[in-house]
C-alpha atoms as a PDB file:
ATOM      1  CA  MET A   1     -54.138  -8.538  87.314  1.00  0.00           C
ATOM      2  CA  THR A   2     -50.619  -7.728  86.197  1.00  0.00           C
ATOM      3  CA  GLY A   3     -47.730 -10.329  86.325  1.00  0.00           C
ATOM      4  CA  GLU A   4     -49.957 -13.279  85.789  1.00  0.00           C
ATOM      5  CA  ARG A   5     -48.902 -15.921  83.393  1.00  0.00           C
ATOM      6  CA  ARG A   6     -50.979 -18.243  81.494  1.00  0.00           C
ATOM      7  CA  PRO A   7     -50.957 -21.821  82.204  1.00  0.00           C
ATOM      8  CA  GLY A   8     -48.262 -23.908  80.535  1.00  0.00           C
ATOM      9  CA  ARG A   9     -44.716 -23.398  79.672  1.00  0.00           C
ATOM     10  CA  PRO A  10     -43.831 -19.823  78.576  1.00  0.00           C
ATOM     11  CA  ARG A  11     -43.213 -19.269  74.972  1.00  0.00           C
ATOM     12  CA  SER A  12     -39.504 -19.092  73.751  1.00  0.00           C
ATOM     13  CA  GLU A  13     -38.944 -16.156  71.565  1.00  0.00           C
ATOM     14  CA  ALA A  14     -35.766 -18.261  70.078  1.00  0.00           C
ATOM     15  CA  ALA A  15     -37.839 -21.345  69.368  1.00  0.00           C
ATOM     16  CA  ARG A  16     -40.527 -19.120  67.996  1.00  0.00           C
ATOM     17  CA  ARG A  17     -38.032 -17.458  65.417  1.00  0.00           C
ATOM     18  CA  ALA A  18     -36.298 -20.721  64.677  1.00  0.00           C
ATOM     19  CA  ILE A  19     -39.898 -22.272  63.811  1.00  0.00           C
ATOM     20  CA  LEU A  20     -40.928 -19.230  61.631  1.00  0.00           C
ATOM     21  CA  ALA A  21     -37.708 -19.345  59.667  1.00  0.00           C
ATOM     22  CA  ALA A  22     -37.793 -23.138  59.357  1.00  0.00           C
ATOM     23  CA  ALA A  23     -41.191 -22.878  57.920  1.00  0.00           C
ATOM     24  CA  LEU A  24     -40.252 -20.330  55.246  1.00  0.00           C
ATOM     25  CA  GLU A  25     -37.082 -22.439  54.353  1.00  0.00           C
ATOM     26  CA  GLU A  26     -39.135 -25.508  53.950  1.00  0.00           C
ATOM     27  CA  LEU A  27     -41.674 -23.521  51.821  1.00  0.00           C
ATOM     28  CA  GLU A  28     -38.990 -22.447  49.549  1.00  0.00           C
ATOM     29  CA  GLU A  29     -37.350 -26.134  49.305  1.00  0.00           C
ATOM     30  CA  ARG A  30     -40.898 -28.119  49.263  1.00  0.00           C
ATOM     31  CA  GLY A  31     -43.588 -25.524  48.337  1.00  0.00           C
ATOM     32  CA  TYR A  32     -46.784 -25.418  50.185  1.00  0.00           C
ATOM     33  CA  GLY A  33     -48.126 -28.775  49.410  1.00  0.00           C
ATOM     34  CA  GLY A  34     -44.941 -30.497  50.527  1.00  0.00           C
ATOM     35  CA  LEU A  35     -44.686 -28.556  53.782  1.00  0.00           C
ATOM     36  CA  THR A  36     -45.291 -30.744  56.958  1.00  0.00           C
ATOM     37  CA  VAL A  37     -45.247 -29.570  60.648  1.00  0.00           C
ATOM     38  CA  GLU A  38     -42.822 -32.407  61.277  1.00  0.00           C
ATOM     39  CA  ALA A  39     -40.415 -31.003  58.879  1.00  0.00           C
ATOM     40  CA  ILE A  40     -40.599 -27.602  60.147  1.00  0.00           C
ATOM     41  CA  ALA A  41     -40.113 -29.061  63.798  1.00  0.00           C
ATOM     42  CA  ALA A  42     -37.036 -31.024  62.631  1.00  0.00           C
ATOM     43  CA  ARG A  43     -35.383 -28.068  60.915  1.00  0.00           C
ATOM     44  CA  ALA A  44     -36.138 -25.642  63.873  1.00  0.00           C
ATOM     45  CA  GLY A  45     -34.874 -28.138  66.347  1.00  0.00           C
ATOM     46  CA  VAL A  46     -38.185 -28.335  68.470  1.00  0.00           C
ATOM     47  CA  GLY A  47     -40.627 -30.985  69.287  1.00  0.00           C
ATOM     48  CA  LYS A  48     -43.682 -31.239  66.915  1.00  0.00           C
ATOM     49  CA  GLN A  49     -45.824 -30.731  70.025  1.00  0.00           C
ATOM     50  CA  THR A  50     -44.145 -27.144  70.369  1.00  0.00           C
ATOM     51  CA  ILE A  51     -45.643 -26.155  67.199  1.00  0.00           C
ATOM     52  CA  TYR A  52     -49.042 -27.367  67.952  1.00  0.00           C
ATOM     53  CA  ARG A  53     -48.887 -25.812  71.213  1.00  0.00           C
ATOM     54  CA  TRP A  54     -48.572 -22.357  69.747  1.00  0.00           C
ATOM     55  CA  TRP A  55     -50.340 -22.816  66.364  1.00  0.00           C
ATOM     56  CA  SER A  56     -53.256 -24.982  65.303  1.00  0.00           C
ATOM     57  CA  SER A  57     -51.991 -25.789  61.810  1.00  0.00           C
ATOM     58  CA  LYS A  58     -49.081 -25.337  59.439  1.00  0.00           C
ATOM     59  CA  ALA A  59     -50.960 -22.524  57.685  1.00  0.00           C
ATOM     60  CA  GLY A  60     -51.041 -20.752  60.829  1.00  0.00           C
ATOM     61  CA  VAL A  61     -47.083 -20.866  61.361  1.00  0.00           C
ATOM     62  CA  VAL A  62     -46.892 -19.846  57.674  1.00  0.00           C
ATOM     63  CA  LEU A  63     -49.075 -16.841  58.132  1.00  0.00           C
ATOM     64  CA  ASP A  64     -47.111 -15.537  61.111  1.00  0.00           C
ATOM     65  CA  ALA A  65     -43.904 -16.009  59.232  1.00  0.00           C
ATOM     66  CA  LEU A  66     -45.488 -14.009  56.444  1.00  0.00           C
ATOM     67  CA  LEU A  67     -46.784 -11.459  58.670  1.00  0.00           C
ATOM     68  CA  GLU A  68     -43.158 -10.583  60.115  1.00  0.00           C
ATOM     69  CA  THR A  69     -41.652 -10.863  56.586  1.00  0.00           C
ATOM     70  CA  ALA A  70     -44.046  -8.150  55.571  1.00  0.00           C
ATOM     71  CA  ALA A  71     -43.610  -6.120  58.402  1.00  0.00           C
ATOM     72  CA  ASP A  72     -39.703  -6.291  58.151  1.00  0.00           C
ATOM     73  CA  ARG A  73     -39.695  -5.786  54.470  1.00  0.00           C
ATOM     74  CA  ILE A  74     -42.328  -3.448  53.180  1.00  0.00           C
ATOM     75  CA  ALA A  75     -42.433  -0.140  54.772  1.00  0.00           C
ATOM     76  CA  VAL A  76     -45.090   2.424  54.379  1.00  0.00           C
ATOM     77  CA  PRO A  77     -43.092   5.330  52.813  1.00  0.00           C
ATOM     78  CA  ASP A  78     -43.846   8.849  53.533  1.00  0.00           C
ATOM     79  CA  LEU A  79     -41.847  10.797  50.808  1.00  0.00           C
ATOM     80  CA  GLY A  80     -44.353  13.716  50.564  1.00  0.00           C
ATOM     81  CA  SER A  81     -45.772  12.802  47.243  1.00  0.00           C
ATOM     82  CA  LEU A  82     -48.354   9.958  46.036  1.00  0.00           C
ATOM     83  CA  GLY A  83     -46.014   9.006  43.199  1.00  0.00           C
ATOM     84  CA  ALA A  84     -42.987   8.507  45.310  1.00  0.00           C
ATOM     85  CA  ASP A  85     -44.830   6.798  48.246  1.00  0.00           C
ATOM     86  CA  LEU A  86     -46.658   4.546  45.822  1.00  0.00           C
ATOM     87  CA  ALA A  87     -43.583   3.741  43.854  1.00  0.00           C
ATOM     88  CA  GLY A  88     -41.640   2.721  46.909  1.00  0.00           C
ATOM     89  CA  PHE A  89     -44.335   0.765  48.301  1.00  0.00           C
ATOM     90  CA  LEU A  90     -45.217  -1.244  45.261  1.00  0.00           C
ATOM     91  CA  GLU A  91     -41.637  -1.790  44.546  1.00  0.00           C
ATOM     92  CA  ALA A  92     -41.000  -3.152  48.049  1.00  0.00           C
ATOM     93  CA  THR A  93     -44.031  -5.403  47.666  1.00  0.00           C
ATOM     94  CA  PHE A  94     -43.262  -6.883  44.274  1.00  0.00           C
ATOM     95  CA  ARG A  95     -39.731  -7.228  45.409  1.00  0.00           C
ATOM     96  CA  GLN A  96     -41.212  -9.977  47.708  1.00  0.00           C
ATOM     97  CA  ARG A  97     -41.923 -11.990  44.579  1.00  0.00           C
ATOM     98  CA  GLY A  98     -39.676 -14.815  45.928  1.00  0.00           C
ATOM     99  CA  GLN A  99     -42.555 -15.278  48.601  1.00  0.00           C
ATOM    100  CA  ARG A 100     -44.748 -16.309  45.842  1.00  0.00           C
ATOM    101  CA  LYS A 101     -44.994 -20.093  47.039  1.00  0.00           C
ATOM    102  CA  VAL A 102     -46.070 -18.789  50.479  1.00  0.00           C
ATOM    103  CA  LEU A 103     -48.587 -16.703  49.113  1.00  0.00           C
ATOM    104  CA  VAL A 104     -50.133 -18.791  46.607  1.00  0.00           C
ATOM    105  CA  GLY A 105     -50.076 -21.730  49.322  1.00  0.00           C
ATOM    106  CA  LEU A 106     -51.883 -19.589  51.946  1.00  0.00           C
ATOM    107  CA  MET A 107     -54.669 -18.540  49.487  1.00  0.00           C
ATOM    108  CA  ALA A 108     -55.110 -22.150  48.513  1.00  0.00           C
ATOM    109  CA  GLN A 109     -55.477 -22.851  52.033  1.00  0.00           C
ATOM    110  CA  ALA A 110     -57.907 -20.227  52.509  1.00  0.00           C
ATOM    111  CA  LEU A 111     -60.041 -21.295  49.828  1.00  0.00           C
ATOM    112  CA  LEU A 112     -60.354 -24.995  51.452  1.00  0.00           C
ATOM    113  CA  ASP A 113     -60.621 -23.779  55.170  1.00  0.00           C
ATOM    114  CA  PRO A 114     -63.074 -21.226  55.918  1.00  0.00           C
ATOM    115  CA  ALA A 115     -61.723 -20.445  59.317  1.00  0.00           C
ATOM    116  CA  PHE A 116     -58.161 -19.991  57.926  1.00  0.00           C
ATOM    117  CA  ALA A 117     -59.674 -17.792  55.484  1.00  0.00           C
ATOM    118  CA  VAL A 118     -60.845 -15.321  57.843  1.00  0.00           C
ATOM    119  CA  ALA A 119     -57.566 -15.291  59.711  1.00  0.00           C
ATOM    120  CA  PHE A 120     -55.610 -14.975  56.594  1.00  0.00           C
ATOM    121  CA  ARG A 121     -57.920 -12.121  55.314  1.00  0.00           C
ATOM    122  CA  ASP A 122     -58.163 -10.247  58.669  1.00  0.00           C
ATOM    123  CA  ARG A 123     -54.491 -10.539  59.786  1.00  0.00           C
ATOM    124  CA  PHE A 124     -52.741 -10.373  56.321  1.00  0.00           C
ATOM    125  CA  LEU A 125     -54.803  -9.126  53.668  1.00  0.00           C
ATOM    126  CA  PHE A 126     -56.508  -6.473  55.620  1.00  0.00           C
ATOM    127  CA  GLY A 127     -53.051  -5.374  57.305  1.00  0.00           C
ATOM    128  CA  ARG A 128     -51.758  -4.895  53.832  1.00  0.00           C
ATOM    129  CA  ARG A 129     -54.730  -2.933  52.598  1.00  0.00           C
ATOM    130  CA  ALA A 130     -54.444  -0.630  55.424  1.00  0.00           C
ATOM    131  CA  ALA A 131     -50.943   0.133  54.523  1.00  0.00           C
ATOM    132  CA  LEU A 132     -51.701   1.093  51.075  1.00  0.00           C
ATOM    133  CA  ARG A 133     -54.919   2.881  52.318  1.00  0.00           C
ATOM    134  CA  GLU A 134     -52.587   5.110  54.571  1.00  0.00           C
ATOM    135  CA  ILE A 135     -50.647   6.145  51.540  1.00  0.00           C
ATOM    136  CA  ILE A 136     -53.796   7.005  49.598  1.00  0.00           C
ATOM    137  CA  ARG A 137     -55.435   8.936  52.677  1.00  0.00           C
ATOM    138  CA  ARG A 138     -52.208  11.148  52.968  1.00  0.00           C
ATOM    139  CA  ALA A 139     -52.245  11.989  49.413  1.00  0.00           C
ATOM    140  CA  ALA A 140     -56.032  12.716  49.372  1.00  0.00           C
ATOM    141  CA  ALA A 141     -55.275  14.967  52.157  1.00  0.00           C
ATOM    142  CA  ARG A 142     -52.575  16.746  50.074  1.00  0.00           C
ATOM    143  CA  GLY A 143     -54.919  17.296  47.233  1.00  0.00           C
ATOM    144  CA  GLU A 144     -53.376  14.843  45.087  1.00  0.00           C
ATOM    145  CA  ILE A 145     -56.508  12.707  44.544  1.00  0.00           C
ATOM    146  CA  ALA A 146     -59.343  13.983  42.682  1.00  0.00           C
ATOM    147  CA  ASP A 147     -62.699  14.254  44.373  1.00  0.00           C
ATOM    148  CA  GLY A 148     -64.845  11.170  43.747  1.00  0.00           C
ATOM    149  CA  VAL A 149     -62.099   8.682  43.243  1.00  0.00           C
ATOM    150  CA  ASP A 150     -63.127   5.801  44.981  1.00  0.00           C
ATOM    151  CA  HIS A 151     -60.160   4.791  47.456  1.00  0.00           C
ATOM    152  CA  GLU A 152     -61.073   1.098  48.136  1.00  0.00           C
ATOM    153  CA  LEU A 153     -61.379   0.544  44.417  1.00  0.00           C
ATOM    154  CA  LEU A 154     -57.838   1.899  43.886  1.00  0.00           C
ATOM    155  CA  ILE A 155     -56.538  -0.564  46.429  1.00  0.00           C
ATOM    156  CA  ASP A 156     -58.603  -3.428  44.602  1.00  0.00           C
ATOM    157  CA  VAL A 157     -57.010  -2.518  41.357  1.00  0.00           C
ATOM    158  CA  VAL A 158     -53.409  -2.596  42.993  1.00  0.00           C
ATOM    159  CA  TYR A 159     -53.895  -5.799  44.971  1.00  0.00           C
ATOM    160  CA  GLY A 160     -55.727  -7.243  42.171  1.00  0.00           C
ATOM    161  CA  VAL A 161     -52.875  -6.945  39.598  1.00  0.00           C
ATOM    162  CA  LEU A 162     -50.658  -8.522  42.416  1.00  0.00           C
ATOM    163  CA  TRP A 163     -52.723 -11.467  43.242  1.00  0.00           C
ATOM    164  CA  TYR A 164     -53.667 -12.058  39.581  1.00  0.00           C
ATOM    165  CA  ARG A 165     -49.971 -12.102  38.737  1.00  0.00           C
ATOM    166  CA  LEU A 166     -49.222 -14.359  41.377  1.00  0.00           C
ATOM    167  CA  LEU A 167     -51.850 -16.947  40.736  1.00  0.00           C
ATOM    168  CA  VAL A 168     -51.619 -17.055  37.192  1.00  0.00           C
ATOM    169  CA  ASP A 169     -47.831 -16.275  36.764  1.00  0.00           C
ATOM    170  CA  HIS A 170     -48.557 -15.114  33.339  1.00  0.00           C
ATOM    171  CA  ALA A 171     -46.302 -11.574  33.646  1.00  0.00           C
ATOM    172  CA  PRO A 172     -43.603 -10.610  35.831  1.00  0.00           C
ATOM    173  CA  ILE A 173     -43.769  -9.312  39.385  1.00  0.00           C
ATOM    174  CA  ASP A 174     -40.738  -7.099  39.561  1.00  0.00           C
ATOM    175  CA  ASP A 175     -39.757  -3.473  40.183  1.00  0.00           C
ATOM    176  CA  ALA A 176     -40.663  -2.348  36.620  1.00  0.00           C
ATOM    177  CA  ALA A 177     -44.176  -3.648  37.147  1.00  0.00           C
ATOM    178  CA  GLY A 178     -44.474  -1.937  40.298  1.00  0.00           C
ATOM    179  CA  ARG A 179     -43.395   1.267  38.679  1.00  0.00           C
ATOM    180  CA  GLN A 180     -45.971   0.729  35.958  1.00  0.00           C
ATOM    181  CA  LEU A 181     -48.874   0.005  38.148  1.00  0.00           C
ATOM    182  CA  ALA A 182     -47.917   3.177  40.551  1.00  0.00           C
ATOM    183  CA  ASP A 183     -47.972   5.336  37.106  1.00  0.00           C
ATOM    184  CA  LEU A 184     -51.462   3.688  36.196  1.00  0.00           C
ATOM    185  CA  VAL A 185     -52.847   4.611  39.702  1.00  0.00           C
ATOM    186  CA  LEU A 186     -51.423   8.223  39.215  1.00  0.00           C
ATOM    187  CA  ARG A 187     -52.931   8.691  36.093  1.00  0.00           C
ATOM    188  CA  ALA A 188     -56.343   7.384  37.414  1.00  0.00           C
ATOM    189  CA  VAL A 189     -56.447   9.585  40.383  1.00  0.00           C
ATOM    190  CA  ARG A 190     -55.984  12.881  38.453  1.00  0.00           C
END
Protein backbone atom coordinates (compact mmCIF):
# COMPACT_ATOMS: atom_id res chain seq x y z
CA MET A 1 0.00 0.00 0.00
CA THR A 2 1.21 3.47 -0.76
CA GLY A 3 0.83 6.44 1.49
CA GLU A 4 0.81 4.38 4.67
CA ARG A 5 2.92 5.61 7.51
CA ARG A 6 4.67 3.57 10.16
CA PRO A 7 3.36 3.97 13.70
CA GLY A 8 4.92 6.65 15.88
CA ARG A 9 6.04 10.16 15.21
CA PRO A 10 7.53 10.86 11.80
CA ARG A 11 11.26 11.27 11.68
CA SER A 12 12.33 14.91 11.44
CA GLU A 13 15.06 15.39 8.87
CA ALA A 14 16.28 18.51 10.68
CA ALA A 15 16.55 16.60 13.97
CA ARG A 16 18.29 13.68 12.24
CA ARG A 17 20.89 15.98 10.69
CA ALA A 18 21.42 17.79 14.00
CA ILE A 19 21.95 14.46 15.78
CA LEU A 20 24.48 13.24 13.21
CA ALA A 21 26.38 16.54 13.29
CA ALA A 22 26.34 16.56 17.09
CA ALA A 23 27.69 13.01 17.19
CA LEU A 24 30.65 13.97 14.99
CA GLU A 25 31.35 17.12 17.02
CA GLU A 26 31.21 15.20 20.30
CA LEU A 27 33.52 12.55 18.86
CA GLU A 28 36.03 15.17 17.86
CA GLU A 29 36.03 16.65 21.36
CA ARG A 30 35.72 13.52 23.50
CA GLY A 31 36.70 10.54 21.35
CA TYR A 32 34.57 7.44 21.01
CA GLY A 33 35.13 6.25 24.59
CA GLY A 34 33.87 9.56 26.01
CA LEU A 35 30.90 9.82 23.68
CA THR A 36 27.44 9.46 25.24
CA VAL A 37 23.93 9.53 23.86
CA GLU A 38 23.13 12.16 26.49
CA ALA A 39 25.84 14.49 25.17
CA ILE A 40 24.73 13.95 21.58
CA ALA A 41 21.13 14.74 22.51
CA ALA A 42 22.09 17.88 24.44
CA ARG A 43 24.26 19.21 21.62
CA ALA A 44 21.60 18.41 19.00
CA GLY A 45 18.82 19.96 21.05
CA VAL A 46 16.71 16.81 21.12
CA GLY A 47 15.62 14.39 23.80
CA LYS A 48 17.61 11.25 24.43
CA GLN A 49 14.46 9.25 23.64
CA THR A 50 14.48 10.70 20.11
CA ILE A 51 17.88 9.18 19.50
CA TYR A 52 16.87 5.82 20.94
CA ARG A 53 13.72 5.83 18.83
CA TRP A 54 15.85 5.92 15.69
CA TRP A 55 19.08 4.19 16.74
CA SER A 56 19.72 1.39 19.20
CA SER A 57 23.10 2.70 20.37
CA LYS A 58 25.66 5.46 20.05
CA ALA A 59 27.52 3.21 17.61
CA GLY A 60 24.51 3.24 15.29
CA VAL A 61 24.37 7.03 15.35
CA VAL A 62 28.09 7.30 14.63
CA LEU A 63 27.87 4.74 11.83
CA ASP A 64 25.14 6.73 10.08
CA ALA A 65 27.14 9.94 10.53
CA LEU A 66 30.20 8.25 9.05
CA LEU A 67 28.24 6.88 6.09
CA GLU A 68 26.95 10.34 5.23
CA THR A 69 30.40 11.85 5.60
CA ALA A 70 31.93 9.24 3.30
CA ALA A 71 29.19 9.68 0.70
CA ASP A 72 29.63 13.47 0.75
CA ARG A 73 33.43 13.63 0.76
CA ILE A 74 34.79 10.61 -1.10
CA ALA A 75 33.67 10.46 -4.70
CA VAL A 76 34.40 7.57 -7.01
CA PRO A 77 36.22 9.36 -9.82
CA ASP A 78 35.96 8.29 -13.44
CA LEU A 79 38.87 10.10 -15.08
CA GLY A 80 39.62 7.49 -17.73
CA SER A 81 42.65 5.75 -16.23
CA LEU A 82 43.40 3.59 -13.24
CA GLY A 83 46.20 5.90 -12.15
CA ALA A 84 44.04 9.02 -12.10
CA ASP A 85 41.00 7.29 -10.61
CA LEU A 86 42.99 5.52 -7.91
CA ALA A 87 45.01 8.59 -6.97
CA GLY A 88 41.86 10.71 -6.73
CA PHE A 89 40.02 8.12 -4.67
CA LEU A 90 42.89 7.41 -2.29
CA GLU A 91 43.79 11.07 -1.80
CA ALA A 92 40.14 11.84 -0.94
CA THR A 93 40.02 8.81 1.36
CA PHE A 94 43.28 9.67 3.12
CA ARG A 95 42.19 13.31 3.39
CA GLN A 96 39.57 12.08 5.86
CA ARG A 97 42.29 11.33 8.40
CA GLY A 98 40.43 13.65 10.76
CA GLN A 99 37.88 10.87 11.06
CA ARG A 100 40.47 8.66 12.78
CA LYS A 101 38.73 8.84 16.16
CA VAL A 102 35.44 7.85 14.56
CA LEU A 103 36.87 4.94 12.59
CA VAL A 104 39.00 3.56 15.40
CA GLY A 105 36.07 3.85 17.82
CA LEU A 106 33.75 2.02 15.48
CA MET A 107 36.30 -0.71 14.83
CA ALA A 108 36.74 -1.15 18.58
CA GLN A 109 32.97 -1.34 19.02
CA ALA A 110 32.77 -3.91 16.21
CA LEU A 111 35.31 -6.08 18.04
CA LEU A 112 33.20 -5.94 21.22
CA ASP A 113 29.71 -6.19 19.72
CA PRO A 114 29.14 -8.95 17.13
CA ALA A 115 25.77 -7.53 16.00
CA PHE A 116 27.28 -4.10 15.42
CA ALA A 117 30.25 -5.75 13.67
CA VAL A 118 27.89 -7.10 11.01
CA ALA A 119 26.28 -3.69 10.49
CA PHE A 120 29.66 -1.93 10.35
CA ARG A 121 31.05 -4.47 7.89
CA ASP A 122 27.98 -4.62 5.66
CA ARG A 123 27.06 -0.94 5.64
CA PHE A 124 30.41 0.81 5.81
CA LEU A 125 33.35 -1.46 5.06
CA PHE A 126 31.69 -3.30 2.19
CA GLY A 127 30.42 0.00 0.80
CA ARG A 128 33.94 1.41 0.68
CA ARG A 129 35.19 -1.84 -0.88
CA ALA A 130 32.46 -1.60 -3.53
CA ALA A 131 33.59 1.93 -4.44
CA LEU A 132 37.18 0.78 -4.97
CA ARG A 133 36.00 -2.37 -6.74
CA GLU A 134 34.21 -0.17 -9.29
CA ILE A 135 37.45 1.67 -10.06
CA ILE A 136 39.31 -1.61 -10.47
CA ARG A 137 36.51 -3.14 -12.59
CA ARG A 138 36.60 -0.20 -15.01
CA ALA A 139 40.39 -0.38 -15.23
CA ALA A 140 40.24 -4.12 -15.96
CA ALA A 141 37.67 -3.49 -18.71
CA ARG A 142 40.08 -0.94 -20.26
CA GLY A 143 42.88 -3.53 -20.15
CA GLU A 144 44.91 -1.67 -17.53
CA ILE A 145 45.13 -4.65 -15.19
CA ALA A 146 47.02 -7.79 -16.16
CA ASP A 147 45.08 -11.03 -16.43
CA GLY A 148 45.27 -13.12 -13.30
CA VAL A 149 45.53 -10.19 -10.88
CA ASP A 150 43.27 -10.85 -7.90
CA HIS A 151 41.04 -7.78 -7.62
CA GLU A 152 39.88 -8.61 -4.10
CA LEU A 153 43.48 -8.93 -2.93
CA LEU A 154 44.21 -5.47 -4.38
CA ILE A 155 41.30 -4.07 -2.39
CA ASP A 156 42.60 -5.83 0.74
CA VAL A 157 46.04 -4.31 0.20
CA VAL A 158 44.65 -0.80 -0.13
CA TYR A 159 42.37 -1.00 2.89
CA GLY A 160 44.92 -3.01 4.84
CA VAL A 161 47.36 -0.10 4.59
CA LEU A 162 44.69 2.41 5.53
CA TRP A 163 43.38 0.47 8.53
CA TYR A 164 46.86 -0.44 9.78
CA ARG A 165 47.89 3.20 9.74
CA LEU A 166 44.64 4.23 11.41
CA LEU A 167 44.88 1.65 14.18
CA VAL A 168 48.63 1.70 14.85
CA ASP A 169 49.18 5.41 14.06
CA HIS A 170 52.82 4.77 13.14
CA ALA A 171 52.93 6.57 9.79
CA PRO A 172 51.08 9.45 8.18
CA ILE A 173 47.76 9.19 6.44
CA ASP A 174 48.01 12.08 4.00
CA ASP A 175 47.87 12.95 0.31
CA ALA A 176 51.45 11.76 -0.20
CA ALA A 177 50.63 8.38 1.34
CA GLY A 178 47.57 8.14 -0.91
CA ARG A 179 49.68 8.83 -4.00
CA GLN A 180 52.37 6.36 -2.91
CA LEU A 181 49.81 3.64 -2.37
CA ALA A 182 48.23 4.37 -5.76
CA ASP A 183 51.68 4.08 -7.38
CA LEU A 184 52.33 0.79 -5.58
CA VAL A 185 49.01 -0.65 -6.81
CA LEU A 186 49.74 0.53 -10.36
CA ARG A 187 53.08 -1.28 -10.35
CA ALA A 188 51.45 -4.42 -8.97
CA VAL A 189 48.75 -4.66 -11.65
CA ARG A 190 51.06 -4.40 -14.66
